[in-house]
């Protein structure tokens, strides 16, 4: 489900996991506070690091990778998957 910045921040403040699916280099350069980095190509391998019982808010640089990640998470048993698209959307109203 696609959500906006205020909704994403509210979910994260309520305990949702914040997942950055960009490359490690992108993550190191600019990441949202508290975000976990699992690059999209490694998501299937490292998805076990996420708590399936908690909501997951996913972002990337432009929204393409976050859409793919959100679809994969939803198809693999994660409930409460929210796609914010770009990291910029997390900060802008």
N, C-alpha and C. Protein backbone atom coordinates (compact mmCIF):
# COMPACT_ATOMS: atom_id res chain seq x y z
N UNK A 1 0.84 -1.16 0.00
CA UNK A 1 0.00 0.00 0.00
C UNK A 1 0.90 1.24 0.00
N UNK A 2 0.63 2.16 -0.89
CA UNK A 2 1.40 3.42 -0.98
C UNK A 2 0.86 4.40 0.05
N UNK A 3 1.77 5.01 0.81
CA UNK A 3 1.39 6.00 1.81
C UNK A 3 2.25 7.25 1.65
N UNK A 4 1.86 8.32 2.33
CA UNK A 4 2.62 9.56 2.25
C UNK A 4 3.53 9.73 3.47
N UNK A 5 4.31 10.80 3.47
CA UNK A 5 5.29 11.05 4.52
C UNK A 5 4.72 11.10 5.92
N UNK A 6 3.67 11.90 6.17
CA UNK A 6 3.12 11.95 7.52
C UNK A 6 2.61 10.58 8.00
N UNK A 7 1.98 9.83 7.12
CA UNK A 7 1.51 8.50 7.49
C UNK A 7 2.69 7.59 7.83
N UNK A 8 3.75 7.66 7.04
CA UNK A 8 4.93 6.83 7.27
C UNK A 8 5.58 7.17 8.61
N UNK A 9 5.75 8.46 8.87
CA UNK A 9 6.37 8.86 10.13
C UNK A 9 5.54 8.42 11.32
N UNK A 10 4.22 8.51 11.20
CA UNK A 10 3.33 8.07 12.27
C UNK A 10 3.48 6.57 12.52
N UNK A 11 3.55 5.78 11.45
CA UNK A 11 3.73 4.34 11.60
C UNK A 11 5.06 4.01 12.27
N UNK A 12 6.12 4.68 11.84
CA UNK A 12 7.45 4.44 12.41
C UNK A 12 7.46 4.83 13.89
N UNK A 13 6.84 5.94 14.22
CA UNK A 13 6.78 6.36 15.62
C UNK A 13 5.97 5.38 16.46
N UNK A 14 5.08 4.63 15.82
CA UNK A 14 4.26 3.64 16.51
C UNK A 14 4.92 2.27 16.55
N UNK A 15 6.14 2.15 16.02
CA UNK A 15 6.86 0.89 16.11
C UNK A 15 7.07 0.15 14.80
N UNK A 16 6.61 0.70 13.68
CA UNK A 16 6.85 0.04 12.39
C UNK A 16 8.34 0.04 12.06
N UNK A 17 8.77 -0.95 11.35
CA UNK A 17 10.14 -1.05 10.88
C UNK A 17 10.29 -0.17 9.64
N UNK A 18 11.41 0.50 9.53
CA UNK A 18 11.69 1.36 8.38
C UNK A 18 12.78 0.69 7.57
N UNK A 19 12.45 0.32 6.33
CA UNK A 19 13.35 -0.45 5.48
C UNK A 19 13.78 0.35 4.27
N UNK A 20 15.08 0.50 4.12
CA UNK A 20 15.71 1.18 2.98
C UNK A 20 16.25 0.10 2.06
N UNK A 21 15.75 0.04 0.83
CA UNK A 21 16.16 -1.02 -0.10
C UNK A 21 17.15 -0.51 -1.16
N UNK A 22 17.79 0.62 -0.87
CA UNK A 22 18.82 1.15 -1.78
C UNK A 22 20.14 0.43 -1.55
N UNK A 23 21.14 0.79 -2.33
CA UNK A 23 22.47 0.19 -2.19
C UNK A 23 23.11 0.66 -0.88
N UNK A 24 24.11 -0.07 -0.39
CA UNK A 24 24.81 0.37 0.82
C UNK A 24 25.44 1.76 0.66
N UNK A 25 25.90 2.08 -0.54
CA UNK A 25 26.49 3.40 -0.78
C UNK A 25 25.45 4.50 -0.66
N UNK A 26 24.28 4.29 -1.22
CA UNK A 26 23.19 5.27 -1.11
C UNK A 26 22.77 5.42 0.35
N UNK A 27 22.67 4.30 1.03
CA UNK A 27 22.26 4.31 2.44
C UNK A 27 23.27 5.09 3.29
N UNK A 28 24.55 4.85 3.06
CA UNK A 28 25.59 5.54 3.82
C UNK A 28 25.59 7.04 3.58
N UNK A 29 25.23 7.44 2.39
CA UNK A 29 25.23 8.87 2.04
C UNK A 29 24.05 9.62 2.65
N UNK A 30 22.90 8.95 2.80
CA UNK A 30 21.70 9.63 3.27
C UNK A 30 20.64 8.59 3.60
N UNK A 31 20.35 8.42 4.87
CA UNK A 31 19.32 7.47 5.29
C UNK A 31 18.44 8.09 6.35
N UNK A 32 17.22 7.64 6.42
CA UNK A 32 16.31 8.09 7.48
C UNK A 32 16.77 7.50 8.81
N UNK A 33 16.69 8.28 9.88
CA UNK A 33 17.09 7.78 11.19
C UNK A 33 16.32 6.51 11.56
N UNK A 34 17.04 5.50 12.01
CA UNK A 34 16.43 4.25 12.44
C UNK A 34 16.15 3.25 11.34
N UNK A 35 16.47 3.60 10.10
CA UNK A 35 16.19 2.69 8.98
C UNK A 35 17.17 1.52 8.96
N UNK A 36 16.68 0.38 8.51
CA UNK A 36 17.50 -0.79 8.27
C UNK A 36 17.76 -0.86 6.77
N UNK A 37 18.97 -1.19 6.38
CA UNK A 37 19.30 -1.28 4.96
C UNK A 37 19.40 -2.74 4.53
N UNK A 38 18.51 -3.13 3.64
CA UNK A 38 18.60 -4.41 2.94
C UNK A 38 18.41 -4.08 1.47
N UNK A 39 19.49 -4.06 0.70
CA UNK A 39 19.36 -3.74 -0.73
C UNK A 39 18.39 -4.70 -1.42
N UNK A 40 17.61 -4.18 -2.34
CA UNK A 40 16.60 -4.99 -3.01
C UNK A 40 17.14 -6.33 -3.52
N UNK A 41 18.32 -6.38 -4.18
CA UNK A 41 18.79 -7.68 -4.66
C UNK A 41 19.05 -8.71 -3.56
N UNK A 42 19.18 -8.26 -2.32
CA UNK A 42 19.46 -9.15 -1.19
C UNK A 42 18.25 -9.38 -0.30
N UNK A 43 17.10 -8.83 -0.66
CA UNK A 43 15.94 -8.89 0.20
C UNK A 43 15.52 -10.32 0.51
N UNK A 44 15.45 -11.18 -0.47
CA UNK A 44 15.04 -12.57 -0.23
C UNK A 44 15.99 -13.27 0.74
N UNK A 45 17.26 -12.96 0.64
CA UNK A 45 18.27 -13.60 1.49
C UNK A 45 18.20 -13.11 2.93
N UNK A 46 17.91 -11.82 3.14
CA UNK A 46 17.97 -11.22 4.47
C UNK A 46 16.61 -10.81 5.05
N UNK A 47 15.54 -11.21 4.43
CA UNK A 47 14.20 -10.85 4.93
C UNK A 47 13.96 -11.35 6.34
N UNK A 48 14.64 -12.40 6.74
CA UNK A 48 14.48 -12.95 8.09
C UNK A 48 14.93 -11.96 9.17
N UNK A 49 15.67 -10.92 8.79
CA UNK A 49 16.07 -9.89 9.76
C UNK A 49 14.89 -9.00 10.15
N UNK A 50 13.83 -9.06 9.38
CA UNK A 50 12.63 -8.26 9.65
C UNK A 50 11.65 -9.06 10.50
N UNK A 51 10.92 -8.37 11.34
CA UNK A 51 9.89 -8.99 12.17
C UNK A 51 8.59 -9.04 11.37
N UNK A 52 8.15 -10.24 11.05
CA UNK A 52 6.93 -10.40 10.25
C UNK A 52 5.67 -9.93 10.97
N UNK A 53 5.76 -9.77 12.28
CA UNK A 53 4.57 -9.39 13.05
C UNK A 53 4.42 -7.87 13.17
N UNK A 54 5.41 -7.12 12.71
CA UNK A 54 5.34 -5.66 12.77
C UNK A 54 5.22 -5.09 11.37
N UNK A 55 4.59 -3.92 11.28
CA UNK A 55 4.47 -3.24 9.99
C UNK A 55 5.86 -2.88 9.46
N UNK A 56 5.96 -2.81 8.14
CA UNK A 56 7.21 -2.44 7.49
C UNK A 56 6.92 -1.28 6.54
N UNK A 57 7.67 -0.18 6.70
CA UNK A 57 7.59 0.96 5.80
C UNK A 57 8.84 0.91 4.92
N UNK A 58 8.64 0.86 3.60
CA UNK A 58 9.75 0.67 2.66
C UNK A 58 9.97 1.93 1.84
N UNK A 59 11.25 2.28 1.62
CA UNK A 59 11.58 3.40 0.74
C UNK A 59 12.85 3.10 -0.05
N UNK A 60 13.07 3.89 -1.10
CA UNK A 60 14.28 3.82 -1.92
C UNK A 60 14.59 5.23 -2.42
N UNK A 61 15.20 5.35 -3.57
CA UNK A 61 15.54 6.66 -4.11
C UNK A 61 14.38 7.26 -4.90
N UNK A 62 13.78 6.46 -5.77
CA UNK A 62 12.76 7.01 -6.66
C UNK A 62 11.38 6.38 -6.50
N UNK A 63 11.31 5.22 -5.88
CA UNK A 63 10.04 4.52 -5.72
C UNK A 63 9.96 3.22 -6.48
N UNK A 64 10.86 2.97 -7.41
CA UNK A 64 10.82 1.73 -8.18
C UNK A 64 11.20 0.52 -7.33
N UNK A 65 12.32 0.60 -6.64
CA UNK A 65 12.77 -0.52 -5.82
C UNK A 65 11.85 -0.75 -4.63
N UNK A 66 11.33 0.33 -4.06
CA UNK A 66 10.43 0.17 -2.91
C UNK A 66 9.14 -0.53 -3.34
N UNK A 67 8.66 -0.26 -4.53
CA UNK A 67 7.47 -0.94 -5.04
C UNK A 67 7.74 -2.43 -5.20
N UNK A 68 8.88 -2.77 -5.79
CA UNK A 68 9.24 -4.19 -5.95
C UNK A 68 9.39 -4.88 -4.60
N UNK A 69 10.06 -4.20 -3.68
CA UNK A 69 10.26 -4.78 -2.34
C UNK A 69 8.94 -4.97 -1.62
N UNK A 70 8.06 -3.99 -1.69
CA UNK A 70 6.76 -4.09 -1.03
C UNK A 70 5.94 -5.24 -1.58
N UNK A 71 5.97 -5.41 -2.90
CA UNK A 71 5.25 -6.51 -3.52
C UNK A 71 5.83 -7.85 -3.07
N UNK A 72 7.15 -7.94 -3.03
CA UNK A 72 7.80 -9.19 -2.62
C UNK A 72 7.46 -9.50 -1.16
N UNK A 73 7.56 -8.51 -0.29
CA UNK A 73 7.27 -8.73 1.13
C UNK A 73 5.82 -9.19 1.31
N UNK A 74 4.89 -8.53 0.64
CA UNK A 74 3.48 -8.91 0.73
C UNK A 74 3.23 -10.33 0.25
N UNK A 75 3.90 -10.71 -0.84
CA UNK A 75 3.73 -12.05 -1.41
C UNK A 75 4.40 -13.13 -0.56
N UNK A 76 5.26 -12.71 0.35
CA UNK A 76 6.00 -13.67 1.18
C UNK A 76 5.62 -13.61 2.65
N UNK A 77 4.39 -13.24 2.91
CA UNK A 77 3.83 -13.39 4.24
C UNK A 77 4.00 -12.24 5.20
N UNK A 78 4.50 -11.11 4.73
CA UNK A 78 4.60 -9.95 5.61
C UNK A 78 3.28 -9.19 5.56
N UNK A 79 2.71 -8.98 6.73
CA UNK A 79 1.47 -8.21 6.81
C UNK A 79 1.82 -6.77 7.15
N UNK A 80 1.04 -5.85 6.69
CA UNK A 80 1.30 -4.45 7.02
C UNK A 80 2.52 -3.90 6.33
N UNK A 81 2.57 -4.04 5.01
CA UNK A 81 3.68 -3.50 4.23
C UNK A 81 3.22 -2.19 3.59
N UNK A 82 3.99 -1.13 3.82
CA UNK A 82 3.65 0.20 3.34
C UNK A 82 4.80 0.76 2.52
N UNK A 83 4.49 1.22 1.34
CA UNK A 83 5.49 1.76 0.41
C UNK A 83 5.39 3.28 0.40
N UNK A 84 6.47 3.92 0.81
CA UNK A 84 6.48 5.39 0.78
C UNK A 84 7.12 5.92 -0.50
N UNK A 85 7.74 5.02 -1.26
CA UNK A 85 8.41 5.46 -2.49
C UNK A 85 9.78 6.03 -2.18
N UNK A 86 9.97 7.27 -2.51
CA UNK A 86 11.25 7.94 -2.34
C UNK A 86 11.51 8.36 -0.90
N UNK A 87 12.78 8.34 -0.52
CA UNK A 87 13.18 8.85 0.79
C UNK A 87 12.73 10.30 0.96
N UNK A 88 12.73 11.07 -0.12
CA UNK A 88 12.28 12.48 -0.05
C UNK A 88 10.85 12.56 0.49
N UNK A 89 10.02 11.60 0.16
CA UNK A 89 8.64 11.61 0.62
C UNK A 89 8.53 11.45 2.14
N UNK A 90 9.51 10.82 2.74
CA UNK A 90 9.50 10.63 4.19
C UNK A 90 9.60 11.96 4.91
N UNK A 91 10.33 12.88 4.31
CA UNK A 91 10.58 14.16 4.94
C UNK A 91 9.64 15.29 4.50
N UNK A 92 8.98 15.13 3.37
CA UNK A 92 8.12 16.19 2.84
C UNK A 92 6.66 15.89 3.08
N UNK A 93 5.91 16.91 3.32
CA UNK A 93 4.48 16.78 3.60
C UNK A 93 3.70 16.83 2.33
